C-alpha atoms as a PDB file:
ATOM      1  CA  MET A   1      22.881   3.991 -10.389  1.00  0.00           C
ATOM      2  CA  LYS A   2      20.980   6.887  -8.499  1.00  0.00           C
ATOM      3  CA  GLN A   3      20.670   6.034  -4.518  1.00  0.00           C
ATOM      4  CA  ILE A   4      17.357   4.821  -3.773  1.00  0.00           C
ATOM      5  CA  PHE A   5      15.901   7.006  -0.836  1.00  0.00           C
ATOM      6  CA  HIS A   6      14.775   5.447   2.413  1.00  0.00           C
ATOM      7  CA  PRO A   7      13.700   7.633   5.467  1.00  0.00           C
ATOM      8  CA  GLU A   8      15.355   7.391   8.484  1.00  0.00           C
ATOM      9  CA  ILE A   9      13.266   5.508  10.977  1.00  0.00           C
ATOM     10  CA  GLU A  10      13.170   8.273  13.520  1.00  0.00           C
ATOM     11  CA  ASP A  11      11.547  10.631  10.716  1.00  0.00           C
ATOM     12  CA  VAL A  12       8.690   8.314   9.885  1.00  0.00           C
ATOM     13  CA  VAL A  13       5.343   9.681  10.763  1.00  0.00           C
ATOM     14  CA  PRO A  14       2.491   7.779  12.004  1.00  0.00           C
ATOM     15  CA  ALA A  15       0.442   9.943   9.173  1.00  0.00           C
ATOM     16  CA  ASP A  16       2.538   8.740   6.400  1.00  0.00           C
ATOM     17  CA  VAL A  17       2.336   5.061   7.340  1.00  0.00           C
ATOM     18  CA  PHE A  18      -1.600   5.135   7.614  1.00  0.00           C
ATOM     19  CA  ALA A  19      -1.862   6.905   4.792  1.00  0.00           C
ATOM     20  CA  ALA A  20       0.412   4.560   2.926  1.00  0.00           C
ATOM     21  CA  LEU A  21      -1.555   1.538   4.052  1.00  0.00           C
ATOM     22  CA  GLY A  22      -5.115   3.121   3.316  1.00  0.00           C
ATOM     23  CA  ASP A  23      -4.637   1.232  -0.482  1.00  0.00           C
ATOM     24  CA  PRO A  24      -5.880  -2.232  -0.664  1.00  0.00           C
ATOM     25  CA  ILE A  25      -2.682  -2.813  -3.658  1.00  0.00           C
ATOM     26  CA  ARG A  26      -0.493  -1.556  -1.003  1.00  0.00           C
ATOM     27  CA  LEU A  27      -1.895  -3.766   1.670  1.00  0.00           C
ATOM     28  CA  GLY A  28      -1.746  -6.628  -0.652  1.00  0.00           C
ATOM     29  CA  ILE A  29       2.279  -5.969  -1.476  1.00  0.00           C
ATOM     30  CA  LEU A  30       2.592  -5.994   2.375  1.00  0.00           C
ATOM     31  CA  VAL A  31       0.587  -9.113   3.259  1.00  0.00           C
ATOM     32  CA  SER A  32       2.587 -10.922   0.512  1.00  0.00           C
ATOM     33  CA  LEU A  33       6.035  -9.407   1.659  1.00  0.00           C
ATOM     34  CA  ALA A  34       5.065 -10.678   5.163  1.00  0.00           C
ATOM     35  CA  ASP A  35       4.385 -14.163   3.718  1.00  0.00           C
ATOM     36  CA  CYS A  36       7.662 -14.386   1.845  1.00  0.00           C
ATOM     37  CA  ASP A  37       9.922 -17.210   3.210  1.00  0.00           C
ATOM     38  CA  GLU A  38      13.382 -15.216   2.500  1.00  0.00           C
ATOM     39  CA  VAL A  39      13.677 -11.872   3.719  1.00  0.00           C
ATOM     40  CA  ASP A  40      14.892  -9.343   0.929  1.00  0.00           C
ATOM     41  CA  LYS A  41      14.292 -11.575  -1.918  1.00  0.00           C
ATOM     42  CA  ALA A  42      10.837 -10.673  -3.238  1.00  0.00           C
ATOM     43  CA  ARG A  43      11.475  -9.123  -6.657  1.00  0.00           C
ATOM     44  CA  CYS A  44       9.247  -5.961  -7.753  1.00  0.00           C
ATOM     45  CA  GLY A  45       8.195  -7.594 -10.710  1.00  0.00           C
ATOM     46  CA  ALA A  46       6.777 -10.490  -8.958  1.00  0.00           C
ATOM     47  CA  PHE A  47       3.686  -8.014  -8.128  1.00  0.00           C
ATOM     48  CA  THR A  48       2.534  -7.754 -11.629  1.00  0.00           C
ATOM     49  CA  GLU A  49      -0.622  -9.786 -10.815  1.00  0.00           C
ATOM     50  CA  LEU A  50      -1.797  -7.133  -8.543  1.00  0.00           C
ATOM     51  CA  ALA A  51      -1.330  -4.189 -10.985  1.00  0.00           C
ATOM     52  CA  SER A  52       0.531  -2.717 -14.082  1.00  0.00           C
ATOM     53  CA  PRO A  53       4.359  -2.456 -13.697  1.00  0.00           C
ATOM     54  CA  SER A  54       3.762   1.492 -13.528  1.00  0.00           C
ATOM     55  CA  LEU A  55       1.005   1.507 -10.947  1.00  0.00           C
ATOM     56  CA  LEU A  56       3.423  -0.696  -9.010  1.00  0.00           C
ATOM     57  CA  SER A  57       6.048   1.403  -8.976  1.00  0.00           C
ATOM     58  CA  TYR A  58       3.869   4.074  -7.701  1.00  0.00           C
ATOM     59  CA  HIS A  59       2.757   1.867  -4.838  1.00  0.00           C
ATOM     60  CA  PHE A  60       6.456   0.557  -4.128  1.00  0.00           C
ATOM     61  CA  ALA A  61       7.597   4.432  -3.976  1.00  0.00           C
ATOM     62  CA  LYS A  62       4.590   5.062  -1.506  1.00  0.00           C
ATOM     63  CA  LEU A  63       5.325   2.187   1.004  1.00  0.00           C
ATOM     64  CA  ARG A  64       9.055   2.778   0.773  1.00  0.00           C
ATOM     65  CA  GLU A  65       8.381   6.756   1.395  1.00  0.00           C
ATOM     66  CA  ALA A  66       6.364   6.006   4.173  1.00  0.00           C
ATOM     67  CA  GLY A  67       9.298   3.980   5.860  1.00  0.00           C
ATOM     68  CA  ILE A  68       7.707   0.519   5.996  1.00  0.00           C
ATOM     69  CA  THR A  69       9.587  -1.298   3.164  1.00  0.00           C
ATOM     70  CA  ARG A  70      13.027  -1.109   1.833  1.00  0.00           C
ATOM     71  CA  SER A  71      14.003  -1.491  -1.976  1.00  0.00           C
ATOM     72  CA  ARG A  72      17.521  -2.954  -2.898  1.00  0.00           C
ATOM     73  CA  ALA A  73      18.699  -2.882  -6.630  1.00  0.00           C
ATOM     74  CA  GLU A  74      20.732  -5.356  -8.201  1.00  0.00           C
ATOM     75  CA  GLY A  75      21.591  -4.381 -11.708  1.00  0.00           C
ATOM     76  CA  THR A  76      18.030  -3.721 -13.052  1.00  0.00           C
ATOM     77  CA  VAL A  77      16.393  -6.061 -10.674  1.00  0.00           C
ATOM     78  CA  ARG A  78      14.837  -4.199  -7.367  1.00  0.00           C
ATOM     79  CA  PHE A  79      14.096  -6.472  -4.348  1.00  0.00           C
ATOM     80  CA  LEU A  80      11.741  -5.370  -1.585  1.00  0.00           C
ATOM     81  CA  SER A  81      11.313  -6.310   1.892  1.00  0.00           C
ATOM     82  CA  ILE A  82       9.455  -4.795   5.195  1.00  0.00           C
ATOM     83  CA  ARG A  83      11.678  -2.872   7.214  1.00  0.00           C
ATOM     84  CA  ARG A  84      10.353  -4.967  10.236  1.00  0.00           C
ATOM     85  CA  GLU A  85      12.569  -4.905  12.942  1.00  0.00           C
ATOM     86  CA  GLU A  86      13.050  -0.707  12.543  1.00  0.00           C
ATOM     87  CA  PHE A  87       9.364  -0.555  12.437  1.00  0.00           C
ATOM     88  CA  GLU A  88       8.828  -2.901  15.634  1.00  0.00           C
ATOM     89  CA  ARG A  89      11.070  -0.541  17.412  1.00  0.00           C
ATOM     90  CA  ARG A  90       9.584   2.562  16.334  1.00  0.00           C
ATOM     91  CA  PHE A  91       5.671   1.396  16.609  1.00  0.00           C
ATOM     92  CA  PRO A  92       5.490  -1.828  18.454  1.00  0.00           C
ATOM     93  CA  GLY A  93       3.199  -4.123  17.178  1.00  0.00           C
ATOM     94  CA  LEU A  94       1.382  -1.993  14.536  1.00  0.00           C
ATOM     95  CA  LEU A  95       2.848  -3.659  11.374  1.00  0.00           C
ATOM     96  CA  ASP A  96       1.768  -7.279  12.878  1.00  0.00           C
ATOM     97  CA  SER A  97      -1.900  -5.752  13.702  1.00  0.00           C
ATOM     98  CA  VAL A  98      -2.332  -4.281  10.061  1.00  0.00           C
ATOM     99  CA  ILE A  99      -0.822  -7.380   8.633  1.00  0.00           C
ATOM    100  CA  GLU A 100      -3.179  -9.872  10.429  1.00  0.00           C
ATOM    101  CA  THR A 101      -6.353  -7.561   9.677  1.00  0.00           C
ATOM    102  CA  ALA A 102      -5.380  -7.347   6.085  1.00  0.00           C
ATOM    103  CA  ARG A 103      -5.180 -11.306   6.169  1.00  0.00           C
ATOM    104  CA  ARG A 104      -8.747 -11.724   7.315  1.00  0.00           C
ATOM    105  CA  ASP A 105      -9.729  -9.082   4.758  1.00  0.00           C
ATOM    106  CA  PRO A 106     -11.144 -10.736   1.511  1.00  0.00           C
ATOM    107  CA  SER A 107     -11.014  -7.556  -0.293  1.00  0.00           C
ATOM    108  CA  VAL A 108      -7.205  -7.170  -0.365  1.00  0.00           C
ATOM    109  CA  PRO A 109      -5.723  -8.640  -2.784  1.00  0.00           C
ATOM    110  CA  ARG A 110      -2.699 -11.074  -2.383  1.00  0.00           C
ATOM    111  CA  ILE A 111      -0.459 -13.132  -4.308  1.00  0.00           C
ATOM    112  CA  ARG A 112       2.086 -15.930  -3.346  1.00  0.00           C
ATOM    113  CA  LEU A 113       5.512 -14.929  -3.825  1.00  0.00           C
ATOM    114  CA  ASP A 114       7.851 -17.486  -5.358  1.00  0.00           C
ATOM    115  CA  VAL A 115      11.275 -16.723  -4.355  1.00  0.00           C
END
């Protein structure tokens, strides 16, 4: 199986983070992950209410390549999680601020993940 690319947290740059978070669907994914009770248990397939599977793959890749999320493969299933601790060390308070702002924005799509 092909290795999933995740940038080292030291290589994550703010411009890429802000570009990734500039899309409402990606913000919806982030808020849903933040509200998930179990870390690293969000199946990529659980987000189909937000977009088609092919479009979701694109959005997942943008979040991962920007250093915001981590993907883990188990067989044919991929799990998604926020790199919260690493991100907090690199950019203190940034994700929490973005998540709280997105939660208050009614235009950000959201779903409840059942893990």
